[in-house]
Amino acid sequence: MLRGPVVLEFGTSWCGWCRGAQPLIGAAVAAHPSVRHVKIEDGPGRPLGRSFRVKLWPTLVFLLDGKEIGRVVRPQDAEDLRRALLQIDPRGG
């Protein structure tokens, strides 16, 4: 089990939505240095994304001690990411 605050980012390197969201995601995660950010290459035949019911990329799953606390799909707004990160890391930001 993953302990502490973790963000799982499901996507691919060739996905336009994923590439476009990287500056937003990078800035949000940088404001929370105690949060572990794990990028997961997703796609057909990749069971981890399916186990998290990922349907669109990028999907960010916010975990605290292995339990899903929040999720943001195709982030386009820094505020959505900030709120989700504060749920798992209230002292960050």
PDB file of N, CA and C in Angstrom:
ATOM      1  N   MET A   1       0.845  -1.186   0.000  1.00  0.00           N
ATOM      2  CA  MET A   1       0.000   0.000   0.000  1.00  0.00           C
ATOM      3  C   MET A   1       0.887   1.245   0.000  1.00  0.00           C
ATOM      4  N   LEU A   2       0.421   2.262  -0.705  1.00  0.00           N
ATOM      5  CA  LEU A   2       1.132   3.533  -0.725  1.00  0.00           C
ATOM      6  C   LEU A   2       0.763   4.335   0.515  1.00  0.00           C
ATOM      7  N   ARG A   3       1.748   4.709   1.287  1.00  0.00           N
ATOM      8  CA  ARG A   3       1.525   5.490   2.511  1.00  0.00           C
ATOM      9  C   ARG A   3       1.648   6.976   2.216  1.00  0.00           C
ATOM     10  N   GLY A   4       0.903   7.763   2.977  1.00  0.00           N
ATOM     11  CA  GLY A   4       0.974   9.205   2.841  1.00  0.00           C
ATOM     12  C   GLY A   4       0.211   9.712   1.627  1.00  0.00           C
ATOM     13  N   PRO A   5       0.415  10.989   1.288  1.00  0.00           N
ATOM     14  CA  PRO A   5      -0.287  11.583   0.152  1.00  0.00           C
ATOM     15  C   PRO A   5       0.388  11.224  -1.170  1.00  0.00           C
ATOM     16  N   VAL A   6      -0.411  10.741  -2.115  1.00  0.00           N
ATOM     17  CA  VAL A   6       0.101  10.319  -3.425  1.00  0.00           C
ATOM     18  C   VAL A   6      -0.871  10.780  -4.507  1.00  0.00           C
ATOM     19  N   VAL A   7      -0.318  11.242  -5.624  1.00  0.00           N
ATOM     20  CA  VAL A   7      -1.116  11.531  -6.811  1.00  0.00           C
ATOM     21  C   VAL A   7      -0.694  10.552  -7.888  1.00  0.00           C
ATOM     22  N   LEU A   8      -1.651   9.766  -8.377  1.00  0.00           N
ATOM     23  CA  LEU A   8      -1.417   8.897  -9.520  1.00  0.00           C
ATOM     24  C   LEU A   8      -1.921   9.629 -10.758  1.00  0.00           C
ATOM     25  N   GLU A   9      -1.047   9.804 -11.732  1.00  0.00           N
ATOM     26  CA  GLU A   9      -1.424  10.479 -12.978  1.00  0.00           C
ATOM     27  C   GLU A   9      -1.432   9.456 -14.106  1.00  0.00           C
ATOM     28  N   PHE A  10      -2.618   9.143 -14.607  1.00  0.00           N
ATOM     29  CA  PHE A  10      -2.767   8.196 -15.700  1.00  0.00           C
ATOM     30  C   PHE A  10      -2.827   8.949 -17.016  1.00  0.00           C
ATOM     31  N   GLY A  11      -2.027   8.511 -17.989  1.00  0.00           N
ATOM     32  CA  GLY A  11      -2.032   9.141 -19.297  1.00  0.00           C
ATOM     33  C   GLY A  11      -0.999   8.486 -20.197  1.00  0.00           C
ATOM     34  N   THR A  12      -0.665   9.167 -21.279  1.00  0.00           N
ATOM     35  CA  THR A  12       0.364   8.686 -22.200  1.00  0.00           C
ATOM     36  C   THR A  12       1.211   9.873 -22.656  1.00  0.00           C
ATOM     37  N   SER A  13       2.376   9.558 -23.170  1.00  0.00           N
ATOM     38  CA  SER A  13       3.277  10.616 -23.643  1.00  0.00           C
ATOM     39  C   SER A  13       2.797  11.229 -24.960  1.00  0.00           C
ATOM     40  N   TRP A  14       1.969  10.507 -25.714  1.00  0.00           N
ATOM     41  CA  TRP A  14       1.517  11.010 -27.014  1.00  0.00           C
ATOM     42  C   TRP A  14       0.138  11.677 -26.961  1.00  0.00           C
ATOM     43  N   CYS A  15      -0.516  11.664 -25.801  1.00  0.00           N
ATOM     44  CA  CYS A  15      -1.858  12.236 -25.649  1.00  0.00           C
ATOM     45  C   CYS A  15      -1.784  13.768 -25.618  1.00  0.00           C
ATOM     46  N   GLY A  16      -2.518  14.409 -26.524  1.00  0.00           N
ATOM     47  CA  GLY A  16      -2.529  15.876 -26.572  1.00  0.00           C
ATOM     48  C   GLY A  16      -3.065  16.510 -25.301  1.00  0.00           C
ATOM     49  N   TRP A  17      -4.129  15.922 -24.728  1.00  0.00           N
ATOM     50  CA  TRP A  17      -4.673  16.433 -23.468  1.00  0.00           C
ATOM     51  C   TRP A  17      -3.623  16.331 -22.360  1.00  0.00           C
ATOM     52  N   CYS A  18      -2.904  15.204 -22.335  1.00  0.00           N
ATOM     53  CA  CYS A  18      -1.883  14.981 -21.296  1.00  0.00           C
ATOM     54  C   CYS A  18      -0.754  16.001 -21.424  1.00  0.00           C
ATOM     55  N   ARG A  19      -0.266  16.185 -22.637  1.00  0.00           N
ATOM     56  CA  ARG A  19       0.820  17.146 -22.855  1.00  0.00           C
ATOM     57  C   ARG A  19       0.371  18.558 -22.513  1.00  0.00           C
ATOM     58  N   GLY A  20      -0.846  18.909 -22.898  1.00  0.00           N
ATOM     59  CA  GLY A  20      -1.353  20.252 -22.622  1.00  0.00           C
ATOM     60  C   GLY A  20      -1.535  20.541 -21.145  1.00  0.00           C
ATOM     61  N   ALA A  21      -1.822  19.511 -20.362  1.00  0.00           N
ATOM     62  CA  ALA A  21      -2.062  19.696 -18.930  1.00  0.00           C
ATOM     63  C   ALA A  21      -0.778  19.693 -18.097  1.00  0.00           C
ATOM     64  N   GLN A  22       0.350  19.309 -18.683  1.00  0.00           N
ATOM     65  CA  GLN A  22       1.574  19.162 -17.901  1.00  0.00           C
ATOM     66  C   GLN A  22       2.011  20.427 -17.146  1.00  0.00           C
ATOM     67  N   PRO A  23       1.975  21.615 -17.759  1.00  0.00           N
ATOM     68  CA  PRO A  23       2.373  22.801 -16.985  1.00  0.00           C
ATOM     69  C   PRO A  23       1.478  23.023 -15.754  1.00  0.00           C
ATOM     70  N   LEU A  24       0.187  22.819 -15.921  1.00  0.00           N
ATOM     71  CA  LEU A  24      -0.771  22.994 -14.822  1.00  0.00           C
ATOM     72  C   LEU A  24      -0.523  21.959 -13.715  1.00  0.00           C
ATOM     73  N   ILE A  25      -0.362  20.708 -14.119  1.00  0.00           N
ATOM     74  CA  ILE A  25      -0.124  19.630 -13.153  1.00  0.00           C
ATOM     75  C   ILE A  25       1.220  19.840 -12.455  1.00  0.00           C
ATOM     76  N   GLY A  26       2.243  20.160 -13.221  1.00  0.00           N
ATOM     77  CA  GLY A  26       3.576  20.368 -12.649  1.00  0.00           C
ATOM     78  C   GLY A  26       3.598  21.478 -11.610  1.00  0.00           C
ATOM     79  N   ALA A  27       2.951  22.586 -11.902  1.00  0.00           N
ATOM     80  CA  ALA A  27       2.914  23.707 -10.958  1.00  0.00           C
ATOM     81  C   ALA A  27       2.145  23.341  -9.698  1.00  0.00           C
ATOM     82  N   ALA A  28       1.035  22.633  -9.858  1.00  0.00           N
ATOM     83  CA  ALA A  28       0.219  22.263  -8.699  1.00  0.00           C
ATOM     84  C   ALA A  28       0.971  21.303  -7.789  1.00  0.00           C
ATOM     85  N   VAL A  29       1.603  20.307  -8.377  1.00  0.00           N
ATOM     86  CA  VAL A  29       2.331  19.309  -7.583  1.00  0.00           C
ATOM     87  C   VAL A  29       3.570  19.933  -6.930  1.00  0.00           C
ATOM     88  N   ALA A  30       4.217  20.869  -7.623  1.00  0.00           N
ATOM     89  CA  ALA A  30       5.406  21.532  -7.075  1.00  0.00           C
ATOM     90  C   ALA A  30       5.088  22.281  -5.783  1.00  0.00           C
ATOM     91  N   ALA A  31       3.856  22.744  -5.645  1.00  0.00           N
ATOM     92  CA  ALA A  31       3.450  23.472  -4.439  1.00  0.00           C
ATOM     93  C   ALA A  31       3.219  22.533  -3.253  1.00  0.00           C
ATOM     94  N   HIS A  32       3.331  21.222  -3.493  1.00  0.00           N
ATOM     95  CA  HIS A  32       3.113  20.217  -2.448  1.00  0.00           C
ATOM     96  C   HIS A  32       4.265  19.217  -2.470  1.00  0.00           C
ATOM     97  N   PRO A  33       5.453  19.641  -2.004  1.00  0.00           N
ATOM     98  CA  PRO A  33       6.634  18.772  -2.111  1.00  0.00           C
ATOM     99  C   PRO A  33       6.533  17.467  -1.316  1.00  0.00           C
ATOM    100  N   SER A  34       5.648  17.382  -0.349  1.00  0.00           N
ATOM    101  CA  SER A  34       5.530  16.145   0.423  1.00  0.00           C
ATOM    102  C   SER A  34       4.618  15.116  -0.254  1.00  0.00           C
ATOM    103  N   VAL A  35       3.992  15.500  -1.369  1.00  0.00           N
ATOM    104  CA  VAL A  35       3.106  14.592  -2.105  1.00  0.00           C
ATOM    105  C   VAL A  35       3.919  13.844  -3.148  1.00  0.00           C
ATOM    106  N   ARG A  36       3.792  12.545  -3.138  1.00  0.00           N
ATOM    107  CA  ARG A  36       4.441  11.701  -4.146  1.00  0.00           C
ATOM    108  C   ARG A  36       3.602  11.725  -5.421  1.00  0.00           C
ATOM    109  N   HIS A  37       4.233  12.063  -6.552  1.00  0.00           N
ATOM    110  CA  HIS A  37       3.549  12.156  -7.854  1.00  0.00           C
ATOM    111  C   HIS A  37       4.056  11.012  -8.725  1.00  0.00           C
ATOM    112  N   VAL A  38       3.139  10.097  -9.080  1.00  0.00           N
ATOM    113  CA  VAL A  38       3.511   8.920  -9.854  1.00  0.00           C
ATOM    114  C   VAL A  38       2.792   8.975 -11.194  1.00  0.00           C
ATOM    115  N   LYS A  39       3.569   9.043 -12.278  1.00  0.00           N
ATOM    116  CA  LYS A  39       2.986   9.027 -13.621  1.00  0.00           C
ATOM    117  C   LYS A  39       2.890   7.575 -14.078  1.00  0.00           C
ATOM    118  N   ILE A  40       1.719   7.213 -14.588  1.00  0.00           N
ATOM    119  CA  ILE A  40       1.475   5.845 -15.025  1.00  0.00           C
ATOM    120  C   ILE A  40       1.066   5.860 -16.489  1.00  0.00           C
ATOM    121  N   GLU A  41       1.899   5.237 -17.319  1.00  0.00           N
ATOM    122  CA  GLU A  41       1.587   5.103 -18.742  1.00  0.00           C
ATOM    123  C   GLU A  41       0.409   4.153 -18.863  1.00  0.00           C
ATOM    124  N   ASP A  42      -0.682   4.638 -19.428  1.00  0.00           N
ATOM    125  CA  ASP A  42      -1.918   3.863 -19.493  1.00  0.00           C
ATOM    126  C   ASP A  42      -2.209   3.491 -20.946  1.00  0.00           C
ATOM    127  N   GLY A  43      -3.111   2.573 -21.138  1.00  0.00           N
ATOM    128  CA  GLY A  43      -3.517   2.198 -22.480  1.00  0.00           C
ATOM    129  C   GLY A  43      -4.061   0.786 -22.520  1.00  0.00           C
ATOM    130  N   PRO A  44      -4.409   0.301 -23.702  1.00  0.00           N
ATOM    131  CA  PRO A  44      -4.945  -1.051 -23.837  1.00  0.00           C
ATOM    132  C   PRO A  44      -3.986  -2.087 -23.248  1.00  0.00           C
ATOM    133  N   GLY A  45      -4.553  -3.021 -22.542  1.00  0.00           N
ATOM    134  CA  GLY A  45      -3.739  -4.069 -21.930  1.00  0.00           C
ATOM    135  C   GLY A  45      -3.042  -3.644 -20.658  1.00  0.00           C
ATOM    136  N   ARG A  46      -3.317  -2.457 -20.176  1.00  0.00           N
ATOM    137  CA  ARG A  46      -2.712  -1.968 -18.936  1.00  0.00           C
ATOM    138  C   ARG A  46      -3.767  -2.027 -17.834  1.00  0.00           C
ATOM    139  N   PRO A  47      -3.727  -3.049 -16.995  1.00  0.00           N
ATOM    140  CA  PRO A  47      -4.811  -3.272 -16.041  1.00  0.00           C
ATOM    141  C   PRO A  47      -4.912  -2.252 -14.903  1.00  0.00           C
ATOM    142  N   LEU A  48      -3.826  -1.566 -14.581  1.00  0.00           N
ATOM    143  CA  LEU A  48      -3.896  -0.638 -13.441  1.00  0.00           C
ATOM    144  C   LEU A  48      -4.892   0.491 -13.709  1.00  0.00           C
ATOM    145  N   GLY A  49      -4.853   1.055 -14.900  1.00  0.00           N
ATOM    146  CA  GLY A  49      -5.807   2.115 -15.241  1.00  0.00           C
ATOM    147  C   GLY A  49      -7.242   1.623 -15.182  1.00  0.00           C
ATOM    148  N   ARG A  50      -7.465   0.417 -15.656  1.00  0.00           N
ATOM    149  CA  ARG A  50      -8.824  -0.133 -15.606  1.00  0.00           C
ATOM    150  C   ARG A  50      -9.262  -0.357 -14.165  1.00  0.00           C
ATOM    151  N   SER A  51      -8.336  -0.783 -13.313  1.00  0.00           N
ATOM    152  CA  SER A  51      -8.716  -1.027 -11.910  1.00  0.00           C
ATOM    153  C   SER A  51      -9.127   0.269 -11.214  1.00  0.00           C
ATOM    154  N   PHE A  52      -8.639   1.417 -11.710  1.00  0.00           N
ATOM    155  CA  PHE A  52      -9.035   2.724 -11.170  1.00  0.00           C
ATOM    156  C   PHE A  52     -10.162   3.356 -11.997  1.00  0.00           C
ATOM    157  N   ARG A  53     -10.747   2.597 -12.924  1.00  0.00           N
ATOM    158  CA  ARG A  53     -11.857   3.058 -13.763  1.00  0.00           C
ATOM    159  C   ARG A  53     -11.496   4.325 -14.566  1.00  0.00           C
ATOM    160  N   VAL A  54     -10.266   4.375 -15.070  1.00  0.00           N
ATOM    161  CA  VAL A  54      -9.816   5.504 -15.880  1.00  0.00           C
ATOM    162  C   VAL A  54     -10.403   5.362 -17.283  1.00  0.00           C
ATOM    163  N   LYS A  55     -11.069   6.422 -17.732  1.00  0.00           N
ATOM    164  CA  LYS A  55     -11.674   6.404 -19.064  1.00  0.00           C
ATOM    165  C   LYS A  55     -11.118   7.502 -19.958  1.00  0.00           C
ATOM    166  N   LEU A  56     -10.664   8.602 -19.373  1.00  0.00           N
ATOM    167  CA  LEU A  56     -10.102   9.714 -20.135  1.00  0.00           C
ATOM    168  C   LEU A  56      -8.738  10.069 -19.563  1.00  0.00           C
ATOM    169  N   TRP A  57      -7.878  10.587 -20.436  1.00  0.00           N
ATOM    170  CA  TRP A  57      -6.547  11.024 -20.001  1.00  0.00           C
ATOM    171  C   TRP A  57      -6.443  12.533 -20.071  1.00  0.00           C
ATOM    172  N   PRO A  58      -5.662  13.140 -19.262  1.00  0.00           N
ATOM    173  CA  PRO A  58      -5.102  12.570 -18.051  1.00  0.00           C
ATOM    174  C   PRO A  58      -6.155  12.483 -16.953  1.00  0.00           C
ATOM    175  N   THR A  59      -6.033  11.467 -16.149  1.00  0.00           N
ATOM    176  CA  THR A  59      -6.836  11.328 -14.933  1.00  0.00           C
ATOM    177  C   THR A  59      -5.872  11.314 -13.762  1.00  0.00           C
ATOM    178  N   LEU A  60      -6.128  12.184 -12.799  1.00  0.00           N
ATOM    179  CA  LEU A  60      -5.308  12.225 -11.589  1.00  0.00           C
ATOM    180  C   LEU A  60      -6.135  11.703 -10.434  1.00  0.00           C
ATOM    181  N   VAL A  61      -5.591  10.712  -9.740  1.00  0.00           N
ATOM    182  CA  VAL A  61      -6.254  10.104  -8.595  1.00  0.00           C
ATOM    183  C   VAL A  61      -5.452  10.504  -7.355  1.00  0.00           C
ATOM    184  N   PHE A  62      -6.134  11.104  -6.397  1.00  0.00           N
ATOM    185  CA  PHE A  62      -5.501  11.615  -5.187  1.00  0.00           C
ATOM    186  C   PHE A  62      -5.745  10.624  -4.051  1.00  0.00           C
ATOM    187  N   LEU A  63      -4.652  10.062  -3.529  1.00  0.00           N
ATOM    188  CA  LEU A  63      -4.733   9.035  -2.495  1.00  0.00           C
ATOM    189  C   LEU A  63      -4.132   9.536  -1.192  1.00  0.00           C
ATOM    190  N   LEU A  64      -4.696   9.075  -0.095  1.00  0.00           N
ATOM    191  CA  LEU A  64      -4.110   9.299   1.217  1.00  0.00           C
ATOM    192  C   LEU A  64      -4.079   7.950   1.916  1.00  0.00           C
ATOM    193  N   ASP A  65      -2.866   7.477   2.169  1.00  0.00           N
ATOM    194  CA  ASP A  65      -2.654   6.149   2.768  1.00  0.00           C
ATOM    195  C   ASP A  65      -3.391   5.053   1.997  1.00  0.00           C
ATOM    196  N   GLY A  66      -3.336   5.142   0.664  1.00  0.00           N
ATOM    197  CA  GLY A  66      -3.903   4.116  -0.197  1.00  0.00           C
ATOM    198  C   GLY A  66      -5.382   4.244  -0.491  1.00  0.00           C
ATOM    199  N   LYS A  67      -6.044   5.203   0.114  1.00  0.00           N
ATOM    200  CA  LYS A  67      -7.487   5.381  -0.094  1.00  0.00           C
ATOM    201  C   LYS A  67      -7.724   6.572  -1.028  1.00  0.00           C
ATOM    202  N   GLU A  68      -8.581   6.366  -2.028  1.00  0.00           N
ATOM    203  CA  GLU A  68      -8.886   7.457  -2.951  1.00  0.00           C
ATOM    204  C   GLU A  68      -9.695   8.529  -2.231  1.00  0.00           C
ATOM    205  N   ILE A  69      -9.168   9.754  -2.276  1.00  0.00           N
ATOM    206  CA  ILE A  69      -9.806  10.900  -1.633  1.00  0.00           C
ATOM    207  C   ILE A  69     -10.442  11.809  -2.680  1.00  0.00           C
ATOM    208  N   GLY A  70      -9.834  11.871  -3.854  1.00  0.00           N
ATOM    209  CA  GLY A  70     -10.351  12.739  -4.900  1.00  0.00           C
ATOM    210  C   GLY A  70      -9.831  12.332  -6.254  1.00  0.00           C
ATOM    211  N   ARG A  71     -10.379  12.975  -7.285  1.00  0.00           N
ATOM    212  CA  ARG A  71     -10.006  12.657  -8.663  1.00  0.00           C
ATOM    213  C   ARG A  71     -10.278  13.890  -9.519  1.00  0.00           C
ATOM    214  N   VAL A  72      -9.371  14.157 -10.446  1.00  0.00           N
ATOM    215  CA  VAL A  72      -9.558  15.234 -11.421  1.00  0.00           C
ATOM    216  C   VAL A  72      -9.280  14.638 -12.794  1.00  0.00           C
ATOM    217  N   VAL A  73     -10.231  14.795 -13.703  1.00  0.00           N
ATOM    218  CA  VAL A  73     -10.108  14.280 -15.058  1.00  0.00           C
ATOM    219  C   VAL A  73      -9.927  15.458 -16.005  1.00  0.00           C
ATOM    220  N   ARG A  74      -8.912  15.377 -16.848  1.00  0.00           N
ATOM    221  CA  ARG A  74      -8.594  16.427 -17.818  1.00  0.00           C
ATOM    222  C   ARG A  74      -8.599  17.820 -17.186  1.00  0.00           C
ATOM    223  N   PRO A  75      -7.675  18.048 -16.259  1.00  0.00           N
ATOM    224  CA  PRO A  75      -7.661  19.347 -15.564  1.00  0.00           C
ATOM    225  C   PRO A  75      -7.432  20.498 -16.537  1.00  0.00           C
ATOM    226  N   GLN A  76      -8.239  21.522 -16.359  1.00  0.00           N
ATOM    227  CA  GLN A  76      -8.096  22.731 -17.166  1.00  0.00           C
ATOM    228  C   GLN A  76      -8.021  23.965 -16.283  1.00  0.00           C
ATOM    229  N   ASP A  77      -8.119  23.736 -14.977  1.00  0.00           N
ATOM    230  CA  ASP A  77      -8.191  24.827 -14.018  1.00  0.00           C
ATOM    231  C   ASP A  77      -7.288  24.502 -12.825  1.00  0.00           C
ATOM    232  N   ALA A  78      -6.417  25.420 -12.484  1.00  0.00           N
ATOM    233  CA  ALA A  78      -5.503  25.200 -11.361  1.00  0.00           C
ATOM    234  C   ALA A  78      -6.256  25.029 -10.045  1.00  0.00           C
ATOM    235  N   GLU A  79      -7.407  25.631  -9.920  1.00  0.00           N
ATOM    236  CA  GLU A  79      -8.174  25.568  -8.672  1.00  0.00           C
ATOM    237  C   GLU A  79      -8.644  24.147  -8.376  1.00  0.00           C
ATOM    238  N   ASP A  80      -9.063  23.397  -9.394  1.00  0.00           N
ATOM    239  CA  ASP A  80      -9.482  22.008  -9.180  1.00  0.00           C
ATOM    240  C   ASP A  80      -8.341  21.177  -8.604  1.00  0.00           C
ATOM    241  N   LEU A  81      -7.156  21.358  -9.152  1.00  0.00           N
ATOM    242  CA  LEU A  81      -5.990  20.619  -8.671  1.00  0.00           C
ATOM    243  C   LEU A  81      -5.606  21.072  -7.258  1.00  0.00           C
ATOM    244  N   ARG A  82      -5.654  22.361  -7.023  1.00  0.00           N
ATOM    245  CA  ARG A  82      -5.302  22.893  -5.701  1.00  0.00           C
ATOM    246  C   ARG A  82      -6.218  22.316  -4.624  1.00  0.00           C
ATOM    247  N   ARG A  83      -7.519  22.300  -4.882  1.00  0.00           N
ATOM    248  CA  ARG A  83      -8.480  21.759  -3.904  1.00  0.00           C
ATOM    249  C   ARG A  83      -8.235  20.276  -3.637  1.00  0.00           C
ATOM    250  N   ALA A  84      -7.998  19.523  -4.699  1.00  0.00           N
ATOM    251  CA  ALA A  84      -7.764  18.089  -4.542  1.00  0.00           C
ATOM    252  C   ALA A  84      -6.474  17.827  -3.759  1.00  0.00           C
ATOM    253  N   LEU A  85      -5.434  18.590  -4.045  1.00  0.00           N
ATOM    254  CA  LEU A  85      -4.172  18.419  -3.314  1.00  0.00           C
ATOM    255  C   LEU A  85      -4.317  18.791  -1.845  1.00  0.00           C
ATOM    256  N   LEU A  86      -5.081  19.827  -1.554  1.00  0.00           N
ATOM    257  CA  LEU A  86      -5.277  20.216  -0.155  1.00  0.00           C
ATOM    258  C   LEU A  86      -6.030  19.151   0.636  1.00  0.00           C
ATOM    259  N   GLN A  87      -6.829  18.335  -0.034  1.00  0.00           N
ATOM    260  CA  GLN A  87      -7.533  17.248   0.653  1.00  0.00           C
ATOM    261  C   GLN A  87      -6.559  16.187   1.159  1.00  0.00           C
ATOM    262  N   ILE A  88      -5.456  15.969   0.432  1.00  0.00           N
ATOM    263  CA  ILE A  88      -4.494  14.946   0.857  1.00  0.00           C
ATOM    264  C   ILE A  88      -3.267  15.531   1.529  1.00  0.00           C
ATOM    265  N   ASP A  89      -3.054  16.845   1.390  1.00  0.00           N
ATOM    266  CA  ASP A  89      -1.886  17.517   1.955  1.00  0.00           C
ATOM    267  C   ASP A  89      -2.276  18.921   2.419  1.00  0.00           C
ATOM    268  N   PRO A  90      -3.038  19.013   3.539  1.00  0.00           N
ATOM    269  CA  PRO A  90      -3.556  20.308   3.968  1.00  0.00           C
ATOM    270  C   PRO A  90      -2.474  21.339   4.313  1.00  0.00           C
ATOM    271  N   ARG A  91      -1.274  20.905   4.621  1.00  0.00           N
ATOM    272  CA  ARG A  91      -0.199  21.854   4.987  1.00  0.00           C
ATOM    273  C   ARG A  91       0.559  22.373   3.786  1.00  0.00           C
ATOM    274  N   GLY A  92       0.388  21.725   2.629  1.00  0.00           N
ATOM    275  CA  GLY A  92       1.101  22.162   1.422  1.00  0.00           C
ATOM    276  C   GLY A  92       0.443  23.385   0.823  1.00  0.00           C
ATOM    277  N   GLY A  93       1.026  23.820  -0.285  1.00  0.00           N
ATOM    278  CA  GLY A  93       0.438  24.922  -1.024  1.00  0.00           C
ATOM    279  C   GLY A  93       0.777  26.223  -0.446  1.00  0.00           C
TER     280      GLY A  93
END
